Amino acid sequence: MSTTSSQERKGAIELTLAMVLSGTIGIFVVESGASPFNVVFFRCVFGALALGLYCLVRGYFKNHGFTPRKLGLAALGGVFIVFNWAFLFESYETTSISVATVVYHTQPFYVVLLGAVLFKDRLTADKLGWLAVAFVGLVLVAGVSPSDLRSGSAYLTGLGYALLAALFYGFSTVITKRVTGVRPHLVALVQVLLGIPLLLPFADFGQASSLGGGGWAWLAGLGLIHTCLMYVLMYSAYQKLPTPKIAVLAFAYPAVAMVCDWTVYGHRVSLLQALGIPLIVAASLGNNLGWRFQRSGGVRRAAAAASPRSSSASPRR
């Protein structure tokens, strides 16, 4: 086996493990018994400790590459990423882990739209086409009934939280992309460190003091497993894999989340909602891989080759 093939295989395993871990986040959030803002606050605390220790051991603080501008951009991205977590976790409470995760997975299209609006990135007809496909899938997955629309139900609020989380993720991504020449582990560390004072006013320490040992174990797991280990695996994989493989393997995250939600909590999506999932998957892949619509209505891959490697990303989950 060639060195390149061996590295890609290792990267595929790492990214698959990272996405499987991402799919279990909902269980950790729900089982902790803490409010969404408490969950994010303590995720930042435990995550900062673990990531800080990892970066120290690996010597990443030497020649870190930060300038005042880059540090400011990383911090601004952190504002959006921590509130993105909070709104996603809020959406679990009134929808379900499955629905919230699939709706949240429309985030790449916010990145495309924000890039076009804020940085004048080119918005092609093909990208608009995939955006339309994703929107149809979103409508189906949302499964909003006429009674929901009439009553302004909590379910609608939960969907709004998931969409807001995706939007905040988009802001974080387009901002963090401008932080070049800095290890993504350090960017993530800046963001979780910022989350501690940022979320302090929203933290309910009265509720936190009532959590049992099990609740604290789930919260610690979010910091140690889903904020340190998961990012280490994910960033290592990004350096080894071509963009198409990253785009495909990323869908292990919502798939695992749906299986976990069904297995642990018995939540199933309806047939109509299930029809929307492949539309969102296809639209996201089409957008990420540069698939183009033919005039005849079919789809073909873009002739232009995608960038062979992707080595940076903002924290996703």
Protein backbone atom coordinates (compact mmCIF):
# COMPACT_ATOMS: atom_id res chain seq x y z
CA MET A 1 0.00 0.00 0.00
CA SER A 2 1.43 3.41 -0.96
CA THR A 3 2.11 6.03 1.68
CA THR A 4 -0.64 8.25 0.25
CA SER A 5 -3.22 5.44 0.31
CA SER A 6 -2.21 4.51 3.85
CA GLN A 7 -2.58 8.11 4.99
CA GLU A 8 -5.99 8.44 3.33
CA ARG A 9 -7.16 5.22 4.96
CA LYS A 10 -6.01 6.47 8.36
CA GLY A 11 -7.71 9.82 7.71
CA ALA A 12 -10.96 8.09 6.72
CA ILE A 13 -10.94 6.10 9.96
CA GLU A 14 -10.22 9.23 12.00
CA LEU A 15 -12.97 11.28 10.36
CA THR A 16 -15.48 8.44 10.63
CA LEU A 17 -14.75 8.14 14.35
CA ALA A 18 -15.09 11.91 14.74
CA MET A 19 -18.45 11.94 12.97
CA VAL A 20 -19.70 8.97 15.02
CA LEU A 21 -18.77 10.88 18.17
CA SER A 22 -20.60 13.94 16.80
CA GLY A 23 -23.72 11.83 16.35
CA THR A 24 -23.77 11.00 20.06
CA ILE A 25 -23.69 14.62 21.25
CA GLY A 26 -27.48 14.76 21.59
CA ILE A 27 -27.52 11.86 24.06
CA PHE A 28 -24.86 13.53 26.23
CA VAL A 29 -26.81 16.81 26.20
CA VAL A 30 -30.16 15.24 27.11
CA GLU A 31 -28.78 12.78 29.67
CA SER A 32 -26.83 15.49 31.51
CA GLY A 33 -30.14 16.97 32.68
CA ALA A 34 -28.65 20.47 32.46
CA SER A 35 -30.15 23.46 30.65
CA PRO A 36 -28.74 24.12 27.16
CA PHE A 37 -26.75 27.16 28.28
CA ASN A 38 -25.33 25.25 31.25
CA VAL A 39 -24.37 22.43 28.91
CA VAL A 40 -22.46 24.77 26.62
CA PHE A 41 -20.84 26.63 29.52
CA PHE A 42 -19.43 23.47 31.08
CA ARG A 43 -18.57 22.04 27.67
CA CYS A 44 -16.37 25.11 27.23
CA VAL A 45 -14.83 24.70 30.70
CA PHE A 46 -13.96 21.01 30.32
CA GLY A 47 -13.08 21.43 26.64
CA ALA A 48 -10.71 24.33 27.34
CA LEU A 49 -8.89 22.30 30.00
CA ALA A 50 -8.51 19.27 27.72
CA LEU A 51 -7.59 21.21 24.56
CA GLY A 52 -5.21 23.46 26.47
CA LEU A 53 -3.37 20.45 27.91
CA TYR A 54 -3.24 18.78 24.48
CA CYS A 55 -1.83 21.90 22.81
CA LEU A 56 0.72 22.31 25.62
CA VAL A 57 1.94 18.70 25.35
CA ARG A 58 2.19 18.96 21.55
CA GLY A 59 4.08 22.26 21.75
CA TYR A 60 1.50 24.18 19.72
CA PHE A 61 1.91 27.35 21.78
CA LYS A 62 5.39 27.84 20.30
CA ASN A 63 5.30 29.75 17.02
CA HIS A 64 1.50 29.85 17.28
CA GLY A 65 1.05 32.19 14.33
CA PHE A 66 -1.49 34.49 15.98
CA THR A 67 -1.49 38.20 15.22
CA PRO A 68 -3.89 40.66 16.88
CA ARG A 69 -6.09 40.51 13.78
CA LYS A 70 -6.12 36.71 13.61
CA LEU A 71 -6.80 36.46 17.34
CA GLY A 72 -9.69 38.90 16.98
CA LEU A 73 -11.17 36.92 14.09
CA ALA A 74 -10.83 33.66 16.02
CA ALA A 75 -12.59 35.25 19.00
CA LEU A 76 -15.38 36.64 16.82
CA GLY A 77 -15.87 33.22 15.29
CA GLY A 78 -16.00 31.85 18.83
CA VAL A 79 -18.92 34.12 19.71
CA PHE A 80 -20.96 32.52 16.94
CA ILE A 81 -19.78 28.96 17.57
CA VAL A 82 -20.72 28.87 21.27
CA PHE A 83 -24.17 30.37 20.63
CA ASN A 84 -24.54 27.96 17.71
CA TRP A 85 -24.13 25.12 20.24
CA ALA A 86 -26.60 26.72 22.66
CA PHE A 87 -29.35 27.11 20.05
CA LEU A 88 -28.80 23.61 18.65
CA PHE A 89 -29.14 22.14 22.14
CA GLU A 90 -32.24 24.26 22.74
CA SER A 91 -33.79 22.78 19.60
CA TYR A 92 -33.38 19.23 20.97
CA GLU A 93 -35.89 20.01 23.72
CA THR A 94 -38.86 20.91 21.51
CA THR A 95 -38.21 18.92 18.31
CA SER A 96 -36.01 15.83 18.55
CA ILE A 97 -32.33 15.06 18.14
CA SER A 98 -33.06 13.62 14.67
CA VAL A 99 -35.05 16.55 13.28
CA ALA A 100 -32.81 19.18 14.87
CA THR A 101 -29.65 17.54 13.51
CA VAL A 102 -30.95 17.17 9.94
CA VAL A 103 -32.28 20.76 9.89
CA TYR A 104 -28.95 21.93 11.34
CA HIS A 105 -27.13 20.12 8.54
CA THR A 106 -28.29 22.80 6.10
CA GLN A 107 -25.36 24.86 7.45
CA PRO A 108 -23.20 24.61 4.27
CA PHE A 109 -25.74 26.68 2.40
CA TYR A 110 -25.56 29.47 4.95
CA VAL A 111 -21.80 29.44 4.40
CA VAL A 112 -22.38 29.85 0.65
CA LEU A 113 -24.90 32.67 1.08
CA LEU A 114 -22.88 34.51 3.72
CA GLY A 115 -19.75 34.23 1.59
CA ALA A 116 -21.64 35.80 -1.30
CA VAL A 117 -23.13 38.60 0.81
CA LEU A 118 -20.15 39.44 3.03
CA PHE A 119 -17.17 38.64 0.82
CA LYS A 120 -18.63 38.80 -2.69
CA ASP A 121 -17.92 35.11 -3.30
CA ARG A 122 -19.32 33.93 -6.62
CA LEU A 123 -22.83 32.46 -6.32
CA THR A 124 -23.39 30.27 -9.37
CA ALA A 125 -26.64 29.00 -10.83
CA ASP A 126 -25.65 25.48 -9.77
CA LYS A 127 -25.20 26.54 -6.16
CA LEU A 128 -28.57 28.27 -6.24
CA GLY A 129 -30.06 25.09 -7.68
CA TRP A 130 -28.67 22.96 -4.85
CA LEU A 131 -29.91 25.55 -2.39
CA ALA A 132 -33.42 25.13 -3.82
CA VAL A 133 -33.15 21.33 -3.50
CA ALA A 134 -32.02 21.69 0.11
CA PHE A 135 -34.93 24.01 0.85
CA VAL A 136 -37.44 21.46 -0.44
CA GLY A 137 -35.77 18.81 1.71
CA LEU A 138 -35.88 21.14 4.70
CA VAL A 139 -39.61 21.73 4.28
CA LEU A 140 -40.23 17.98 4.19
CA VAL A 141 -37.97 17.19 7.16
CA ALA A 142 -39.49 19.97 9.25
CA GLY A 143 -42.85 18.22 9.06
CA VAL A 144 -44.76 21.34 10.07
CA SER A 145 -48.52 20.79 10.26
CA PRO A 146 -51.25 23.41 9.76
CA SER A 147 -51.99 23.25 13.50
CA ASP A 148 -48.34 24.15 14.23
CA LEU A 149 -48.68 27.21 12.02
CA ARG A 150 -51.95 28.27 13.64
CA SER A 151 -50.82 27.82 17.22
CA GLY A 152 -47.19 28.93 16.93
CA SER A 153 -46.18 25.74 18.72
CA ALA A 154 -42.99 25.03 20.64
CA TYR A 155 -42.08 22.70 17.78
CA LEU A 156 -41.83 25.68 15.43
CA THR A 157 -39.66 27.46 17.98
CA GLY A 158 -37.38 24.43 18.10
CA LEU A 159 -37.05 24.43 14.32
CA GLY A 160 -36.21 28.11 14.48
CA TYR A 161 -33.47 27.39 17.02
CA ALA A 162 -31.96 24.72 14.73
CA LEU A 163 -31.99 27.10 11.77
CA LEU A 164 -30.49 29.88 13.90
CA ALA A 165 -27.78 27.46 15.07
CA ALA A 166 -26.99 26.65 11.43
CA LEU A 167 -26.83 30.36 10.59
CA PHE A 168 -24.46 31.03 13.50
CA TYR A 169 -22.31 28.12 12.34
CA GLY A 170 -22.19 29.76 8.92
CA PHE A 171 -21.00 33.06 10.41
CA SER A 172 -18.35 31.25 12.43
CA THR A 173 -17.10 29.36 9.38
CA VAL A 174 -16.77 32.33 7.01
CA ILE A 175 -14.97 34.29 9.74
CA THR A 176 -12.67 31.48 10.87
CA LYS A 177 -11.67 30.72 7.27
CA ARG A 178 -9.84 34.05 7.35
CA VAL A 179 -7.62 32.82 10.21
CA THR A 180 -4.76 31.31 8.21
CA GLY A 181 -1.38 30.09 9.37
CA VAL A 182 -2.69 29.05 12.80
CA ARG A 183 -3.30 25.47 13.94
CA PRO A 184 -7.07 24.82 14.10
CA HIS A 185 -6.59 23.31 17.59
CA LEU A 186 -5.46 26.73 18.83
CA VAL A 187 -8.39 28.45 17.11
CA ALA A 188 -10.76 26.01 18.82
CA LEU A 189 -9.03 26.64 22.15
CA VAL A 190 -9.49 30.41 21.79
CA GLN A 191 -13.16 29.88 21.03
CA VAL A 192 -13.96 27.64 24.00
CA LEU A 193 -11.94 29.89 26.31
CA LEU A 194 -14.00 32.85 25.10
CA GLY A 195 -17.17 30.85 25.69
CA ILE A 196 -16.54 30.72 29.44
CA PRO A 197 -16.93 34.47 30.20
CA LEU A 198 -19.39 34.87 27.32
CA LEU A 199 -21.84 32.31 28.72
CA LEU A 200 -21.22 33.05 32.39
CA PRO A 201 -24.23 35.44 32.62
CA PHE A 202 -26.50 32.69 31.21
CA ALA A 203 -25.23 29.87 33.43
CA ASP A 204 -27.54 28.66 36.21
CA PHE A 205 -25.25 27.50 39.01
CA GLY A 206 -28.23 26.67 41.20
CA GLN A 207 -29.31 24.05 38.68
CA ALA A 208 -25.73 22.90 38.21
CA SER A 209 -25.29 22.28 41.93
CA SER A 210 -28.28 19.93 41.86
CA LEU A 211 -26.79 17.70 39.16
CA GLY A 212 -25.72 14.29 40.37
CA GLY A 213 -22.48 12.54 39.55
CA GLY A 214 -24.02 11.13 36.41
CA GLY A 215 -24.96 14.58 35.12
CA TRP A 216 -21.44 15.87 35.67
CA ALA A 217 -20.01 12.81 33.91
CA TRP A 218 -22.10 13.56 30.81
CA LEU A 219 -20.98 17.22 30.87
CA ALA A 220 -17.33 16.25 31.30
CA GLY A 221 -17.74 13.84 28.38
CA LEU A 222 -18.93 16.69 26.15
CA GLY A 223 -15.76 18.62 26.94
CA LEU A 224 -13.24 15.78 26.91
CA ILE A 225 -14.71 13.61 24.15
CA HIS A 226 -16.74 15.93 21.91
CA THR A 227 -14.59 19.05 22.20
CA CYS A 228 -11.06 17.69 22.55
CA LEU A 229 -10.85 14.15 21.20
CA MET A 230 -13.35 14.76 18.40
CA TYR A 231 -11.57 17.88 17.14
CA VAL A 232 -8.14 16.22 17.33
CA LEU A 233 -9.43 13.36 15.18
CA MET A 234 -11.25 15.68 12.80
CA TYR A 235 -8.36 18.08 12.22
CA SER A 236 -5.91 15.21 11.77
CA ALA A 237 -8.22 13.65 9.17
CA TYR A 238 -8.63 16.92 7.25
CA GLN A 239 -4.89 16.96 6.57
CA LYS A 240 -4.98 13.47 5.02
CA LEU A 241 -8.19 13.40 2.99
CA PRO A 242 -9.29 14.96 -0.31
CA THR A 243 -12.32 17.23 -0.14
CA PRO A 244 -14.78 14.74 -1.76
CA LYS A 245 -14.10 12.10 0.89
CA ILE A 246 -14.53 14.66 3.67
CA ALA A 247 -17.88 15.73 2.22
CA VAL A 248 -19.17 12.15 2.01
CA LEU A 249 -17.93 10.97 5.43
CA ALA A 250 -19.42 14.04 7.13
CA PHE A 251 -22.87 12.50 6.67
CA ALA A 252 -22.04 9.84 9.25
CA TYR A 253 -22.87 12.55 11.80
CA PRO A 254 -26.62 12.98 11.11
CA ALA A 255 -26.98 9.25 10.36
CA VAL A 256 -25.56 8.27 13.76
CA ALA A 257 -27.60 10.99 15.48
CA MET A 258 -30.82 9.59 14.00
CA VAL A 259 -29.94 6.01 14.96
CA CYS A 260 -29.12 7.12 18.52
CA ASP A 261 -32.34 9.11 18.81
CA TRP A 262 -34.38 6.13 17.62
CA THR A 263 -32.52 3.55 19.72
CA VAL A 264 -32.37 5.49 22.99
CA TYR A 265 -35.50 7.67 22.89
CA GLY A 266 -37.72 5.91 20.35
CA HIS A 267 -37.99 8.98 18.13
CA ARG A 268 -38.69 8.13 14.50
CA VAL A 269 -39.08 10.47 11.58
CA SER A 270 -42.25 10.12 9.53
CA LEU A 271 -42.27 8.83 5.95
CA LEU A 272 -42.73 12.37 4.61
CA GLN A 273 -39.80 13.62 6.71
CA ALA A 274 -37.68 10.70 5.53
CA LEU A 275 -38.25 11.79 1.93
CA GLY A 276 -36.58 15.12 2.69
CA ILE A 277 -33.39 13.65 4.13
CA PRO A 278 -31.87 12.39 0.84
CA LEU A 279 -32.66 15.76 -0.75
CA ILE A 280 -30.61 17.58 1.89
CA VAL A 281 -27.84 14.98 1.60
CA ALA A 282 -27.74 15.23 -2.20
CA ALA A 283 -27.85 19.03 -2.11
CA SER A 284 -25.01 19.23 0.38
CA LEU A 285 -22.87 16.80 -1.59
CA GLY A 286 -23.69 18.59 -4.84
CA ASN A 287 -22.66 21.91 -3.32
CA ASN A 288 -19.47 20.59 -1.69
CA LEU A 289 -18.32 18.49 -4.63
CA GLY A 290 -19.21 20.97 -7.35
CA TRP A 291 -21.82 18.88 -9.12
CA ARG A 292 -23.46 20.78 -11.94
CA PHE A 293 -26.96 20.69 -13.38
CA GLN A 294 -27.14 19.82 -17.06
CA ARG A 295 -29.56 21.60 -19.33
CA SER A 296 -31.39 18.31 -19.76
CA GLY A 297 -32.11 18.27 -16.05
CA GLY A 298 -29.49 15.74 -15.01
CA VAL A 299 -26.53 16.28 -12.79
CA ARG A 300 -22.85 15.82 -13.59
CA ARG A 301 -19.67 16.45 -11.68
CA ALA A 302 -17.84 19.69 -12.27
CA ALA A 303 -15.06 19.41 -14.78
CA ALA A 304 -12.79 21.55 -12.68
CA ALA A 305 -10.95 19.52 -10.08
CA ALA A 306 -11.64 20.33 -6.46
CA SER A 307 -8.82 21.31 -4.16
CA PRO A 308 -7.01 18.06 -3.31
CA ARG A 309 -6.73 18.66 0.40
CA SER A 310 -8.60 20.54 3.08
CA SER A 311 -6.61 21.28 6.21
CA SER A 312 -8.74 23.73 8.15
CA ALA A 313 -12.25 24.03 9.43
CA SER A 314 -14.03 25.76 12.23
CA PRO A 315 -15.46 23.64 15.05
CA ARG A 316 -18.65 22.15 13.61
CA ARG A 317 -20.67 20.76 16.43
